[in-house]
Protein backbone atom coordinates (compact mmCIF):
# COMPACT_ATOMS: atom_id res chain seq x y z
CA MET A 1 -31.82 19.33 10.86
CA THR A 2 -31.46 15.72 11.99
CA ASN A 3 -29.62 14.77 8.81
CA GLN A 4 -27.19 17.64 9.28
CA LEU A 5 -26.59 16.65 12.90
CA GLU A 6 -25.89 13.07 11.81
CA LYS A 7 -23.27 14.33 9.35
CA GLU A 8 -21.62 16.46 12.03
CA LEU A 9 -21.65 13.61 14.52
CA LYS A 10 -19.93 11.39 11.93
CA GLN A 11 -17.28 14.09 11.60
CA ALA A 12 -16.90 13.95 15.38
CA GLY A 13 -16.12 10.23 15.19
CA LEU A 14 -19.49 8.48 15.48
CA LYS A 15 -20.54 5.95 12.88
CA LYS A 16 -23.87 6.38 11.07
CA ASN A 17 -25.82 3.96 13.30
CA GLU A 18 -24.17 5.34 16.43
CA ALA A 19 -25.23 8.87 15.46
CA GLU A 20 -28.80 7.70 14.78
CA ILE A 21 -29.13 6.02 18.18
CA TYR A 22 -27.48 8.91 20.00
CA LEU A 23 -29.87 11.41 18.41
CA TYR A 24 -32.84 9.14 19.16
CA LEU A 25 -31.91 9.03 22.86
CA ILE A 26 -31.39 12.80 22.99
CA GLN A 27 -34.84 13.39 21.51
CA ASN A 28 -36.77 10.61 23.25
CA GLY A 29 -35.07 10.30 26.61
CA ILE A 30 -34.62 7.08 28.53
CA SER A 31 -35.37 4.08 26.32
CA THR A 32 -34.90 0.34 26.29
CA PRO A 33 -33.00 -1.37 23.44
CA PRO A 34 -36.24 -2.69 21.87
CA GLN A 35 -37.65 0.86 21.87
CA VAL A 36 -34.46 2.21 20.31
CA ALA A 37 -34.50 -0.52 17.66
CA LYS A 38 -38.13 0.21 16.78
CA GLY A 39 -37.61 3.98 16.75
CA THR A 40 -34.47 3.92 14.57
CA GLY A 41 -35.24 0.93 12.36
CA ILE A 42 -31.94 -0.68 13.35
CA LEU A 43 -32.04 -4.43 13.92
CA ARG A 44 -32.35 -5.24 17.61
CA THR A 45 -29.26 -7.48 17.63
CA ASN A 46 -27.18 -4.66 16.09
CA CYS A 47 -28.80 -2.15 18.40
CA TYR A 48 -27.47 -3.86 21.53
CA ASN A 49 -23.90 -3.79 20.17
CA ILE A 50 -24.10 -0.14 19.11
CA ILE A 51 -25.53 0.89 22.49
CA GLN A 52 -22.59 -0.83 24.23
CA THR A 53 -20.16 1.04 21.99
CA LEU A 54 -21.82 4.38 22.81
CA LYS A 55 -21.71 3.49 26.48
CA GLU A 56 -17.96 2.77 26.21
CA LYS A 57 -17.51 6.14 24.53
CA ASP A 58 -19.25 7.62 27.59
CA VAL A 59 -21.86 9.56 25.59
CA ILE A 60 -24.83 7.56 26.95
CA LYS A 61 -25.42 5.96 30.31
CA GLU A 62 -27.31 2.94 31.59
CA GLN A 63 -30.24 3.14 33.93
CA LYS A 64 -32.67 0.60 35.34
CA ARG A 65 -36.31 0.61 34.35
CA GLY A 66 -37.74 -2.02 36.65
CA SER A 67 -35.87 -5.22 35.90
CA ARG A 68 -34.80 -4.07 32.44
CA LYS A 69 -31.86 -2.03 31.30
CA ALA A 70 -32.56 1.30 29.69
CA TYR A 71 -30.32 4.03 28.30
CA ILE A 72 -30.27 7.79 28.19
CA ALA A 73 -27.99 10.26 26.39
CA ARG A 74 -25.53 12.20 28.48
CA ASP A 75 -25.23 15.94 28.18
CA PRO A 76 -23.86 16.74 24.67
CA GLU A 77 -20.78 18.17 26.38
CA SER A 78 -19.81 14.53 26.89
CA LEU A 79 -18.99 14.31 23.17
CA LYS A 80 -16.35 16.98 23.56
CA ILE A 81 -14.98 15.31 26.68
CA SER A 82 -14.83 11.97 24.86
CA LEU A 83 -12.83 13.50 21.99
CA GLU A 84 -10.51 15.26 24.44
CA ARG A 85 -9.81 11.97 26.18
CA LYS A 86 -8.94 10.39 22.82
CA MET A 87 -6.56 13.24 22.05
CA GLU A 88 -4.93 12.89 25.47
CA ALA A 89 -4.46 9.17 24.88
CA VAL A 90 -2.89 9.83 21.48
CA GLU A 91 -0.55 12.44 22.96
CA ARG A 92 0.58 9.96 25.62
CA ILE A 93 1.46 7.22 23.16
CA LEU A 94 2.70 9.46 20.33
CA PRO A 95 6.41 9.36 21.36
CA ASP A 96 6.38 5.55 21.46
CA LEU A 97 4.53 5.34 18.15
CA ARG A 98 7.04 7.69 16.52
CA GLU A 99 9.91 5.55 17.77
CA LEU A 100 8.30 2.43 16.31
CA TYR A 101 7.61 4.25 13.04
CA THR A 102 11.23 5.38 12.73
CA THR A 103 12.43 1.85 13.37
CA GLN A 104 10.00 0.45 10.82
CA LYS A 105 11.10 2.93 8.15
CA ASN A 106 14.63 1.55 8.35
CA LYS A 107 13.54 -2.07 7.99
CA PRO A 108 13.57 -3.64 4.54
CA THR A 109 10.32 -4.91 3.10
CA PHE A 110 10.16 -8.09 1.03
CA ARG A 111 7.54 -8.93 -1.58
CA PHE A 112 7.47 -12.27 -3.37
CA PHE A 113 5.98 -12.81 -6.84
CA GLU A 114 5.34 -16.32 -8.15
CA GLY A 115 4.76 -17.14 -11.81
CA PHE A 116 5.24 -15.03 -14.92
CA GLU A 117 1.97 -13.12 -14.63
CA GLU A 118 2.97 -11.99 -11.14
CA VAL A 119 6.53 -11.17 -12.23
CA LYS A 120 5.19 -8.84 -14.93
CA LYS A 121 3.94 -6.63 -12.10
CA ILE A 122 7.55 -6.04 -11.04
CA TYR A 123 8.46 -4.67 -14.45
CA ASP A 124 5.37 -2.46 -14.35
CA MET A 125 6.44 -1.13 -10.95
CA THR A 126 9.58 0.37 -12.54
CA LEU A 127 7.52 2.51 -14.92
CA SER A 128 7.06 5.22 -12.30
CA ALA A 129 10.83 5.66 -11.83
CA GLU A 130 13.02 8.38 -13.30
CA SER A 131 15.81 5.91 -13.98
CA VAL A 132 16.36 2.16 -13.93
CA TYR A 133 19.53 0.08 -13.82
CA ALA A 134 19.07 -3.46 -15.09
CA THR A 135 20.99 -6.57 -15.94
CA GLY A 136 19.66 -9.87 -17.18
CA SER A 137 18.06 -11.54 -20.15
CA THR A 138 15.86 -9.39 -22.36
CA ASP A 139 15.88 -12.28 -24.88
CA ARG A 140 14.20 -14.55 -22.35
CA LEU A 141 11.63 -11.88 -21.56
CA ARG A 142 10.83 -11.47 -25.24
CA GLU A 143 10.63 -15.25 -25.68
CA LEU A 144 8.13 -15.60 -22.84
CA ASP A 145 5.81 -12.83 -24.02
CA PRO A 146 6.71 -10.73 -27.10
CA ASP A 147 3.68 -8.46 -26.63
CA PHE A 148 4.59 -7.67 -23.04
CA PHE A 149 8.23 -7.17 -24.05
CA ASN A 150 7.24 -4.60 -26.68
CA SER A 151 4.65 -2.93 -24.47
CA TYR A 152 7.04 -2.57 -21.54
CA PHE A 153 9.85 -0.92 -23.49
CA ASN A 154 7.41 1.31 -25.35
CA LYS A 155 6.20 2.54 -21.95
CA VAL A 156 9.80 3.06 -20.86
CA ASP A 157 10.20 5.36 -23.84
CA LYS A 158 6.84 7.09 -23.34
CA ASN A 159 7.59 7.77 -19.65
CA LYS A 160 11.05 9.16 -20.52
CA ILE A 161 12.79 6.72 -18.17
CA ILE A 162 16.59 6.73 -18.27
CA PHE A 163 17.31 3.02 -18.67
CA HIS A 164 20.77 1.47 -18.29
CA ASP A 165 20.76 -2.14 -19.43
CA LEU A 166 23.71 -4.49 -18.91
CA LEU A 167 23.14 -7.55 -21.10
CA PRO A 168 24.85 -10.90 -21.71
CA ALA A 169 27.06 -11.04 -24.80
CA LYS A 170 24.65 -13.10 -26.89
CA ALA A 171 22.00 -10.34 -26.71
CA ARG A 172 24.23 -8.19 -28.91
CA GLN A 173 22.47 -9.28 -32.11
CA LEU A 174 19.02 -9.97 -30.74
CA SER A 175 16.66 -8.04 -28.50
CA ALA A 176 19.08 -5.20 -27.73
CA GLU A 177 18.76 -3.76 -31.22
CA GLU A 178 14.97 -3.96 -31.07
CA ILE A 179 14.85 -2.23 -27.70
CA LYS A 180 17.12 0.55 -28.93
CA LYS A 181 14.75 1.23 -31.81
CA MET A 182 11.76 1.38 -29.44
CA THR A 183 13.30 3.52 -26.74
CA GLY A 184 15.74 5.90 -28.39
CA GLU A 185 18.48 7.90 -26.75
CA LEU A 186 17.35 7.46 -23.12
CA TYR A 187 18.04 3.74 -23.36
CA SER A 188 21.71 2.82 -23.11
CA ILE A 189 23.20 -0.67 -23.49
CA LYS A 190 26.43 -2.31 -22.52
CA PHE A 191 27.38 -5.95 -22.93
CA LEU A 192 29.19 -8.28 -20.61
CA PRO A 193 32.37 -10.01 -21.85
CA GLU A 194 32.01 -12.98 -24.21
CA GLN A 195 32.42 -15.56 -21.46
CA TYR A 196 29.10 -14.38 -19.96
CA LYS A 197 26.85 -15.49 -22.80
CA GLU A 198 24.18 -17.32 -20.86
CA ASN A 199 20.96 -15.84 -19.54
CA LEU A 200 21.34 -14.09 -16.22
CA THR A 201 19.01 -13.69 -13.31
CA ASP A 202 17.32 -10.36 -13.97
CA LEU A 203 18.25 -7.56 -11.62
CA LEU A 204 16.22 -4.34 -11.65
CA LEU A 205 17.16 -1.31 -9.56
CA TRP A 206 14.94 1.75 -9.22
CA ASP A 207 14.27 4.27 -6.48
CA ASN A 208 14.76 2.35 -3.20
CA ASN A 209 13.98 -1.05 -4.72
CA VAL A 210 16.03 -4.09 -5.68
CA ALA A 211 14.27 -6.77 -7.73
CA LEU A 212 15.69 -10.23 -8.31
CA ILE A 213 13.88 -12.13 -11.06
CA GLY A 214 14.33 -15.67 -12.33
CA LEU A 215 12.78 -16.16 -15.77
CA ASP A 216 13.58 -19.87 -16.04
CA GLU A 217 11.17 -22.35 -14.47
CA PRO A 218 10.10 -21.94 -11.77
CA ILE A 219 9.60 -18.25 -12.62
CA PHE A 220 9.63 -16.00 -9.57
CA GLY A 221 10.66 -12.57 -8.39
CA THR A 222 11.50 -10.83 -5.12
CA VAL A 223 11.39 -7.08 -4.53
CA ILE A 224 13.36 -5.73 -1.59
CA THR A 225 12.67 -2.13 -0.61
CA HIS A 226 15.49 -0.62 1.46
CA ILE A 227 17.36 2.65 0.88
CA ALA A 228 20.86 1.51 1.85
CA LEU A 229 20.58 -1.84 0.08
CA ALA A 230 19.32 -0.21 -3.13
CA LYS A 231 22.17 2.33 -3.08
CA THR A 232 24.71 -0.46 -2.57
CA PHE A 233 23.42 -2.47 -5.53
CA GLN A 234 23.27 0.65 -7.68
CA ALA A 235 26.86 1.53 -6.80
CA LEU A 236 28.06 -1.99 -7.68
CA LEU A 237 26.22 -2.00 -10.99
CA LYS A 238 27.56 1.46 -11.86
CA ILE A 239 31.11 0.27 -11.15
CA ILE A 240 30.63 -2.67 -13.51
CA TRP A 241 28.99 -0.37 -16.06
CA ASP A 242 31.89 2.08 -16.00
CA LYS A 243 34.48 -0.69 -16.30
CA ILE A 244 32.99 -2.18 -19.48
């Protein structure tokens, strides 16, 4: 029965050691911390802290036994009252919390990735998307790690991701053809005009995310998550895509 009561008390918000001490006091009555520690097997130093926590929760109370402090469990109804007080506190602050949450949702989040091993994580993040718009240097990616290059675009194909890739002109005879073979009809390519032959900073757009990636030393990446910003970048890239 004691084990079952401990489980139920944990469901009611008490931690394991708190439940053990509370049940000990209910069964044994007024007790000093050393007695509680001995009876529960909880270290005396921990016992003092747990007793103070239970006292703050108002489910036990302090009494004097001579010159020493002792503790006794309150009526079990105090557990219900304690939970009701918590609920009342939550209800009071809920409007303010919701306002803060709404404000936070509209704030962009920034994540920084340093070094190529970290930057690979950005590419992997796109593998859960339905579609990706990208521009940059697939040649540079393949040069840095051919195995990762092949693995990534194989996963793009396996996950049936619609991938729009806008590449520099010089990629026309290089990695673009390889990617097309790996990914099939869901992968579409367009090339920038001849004057834009050099490697570009990689730009990946998926869901509500914008990733800016530099694959030349020092290699780094930044992912910005923001609905409006992602839509703006997607619109700009689509305009360029449609014009080529």
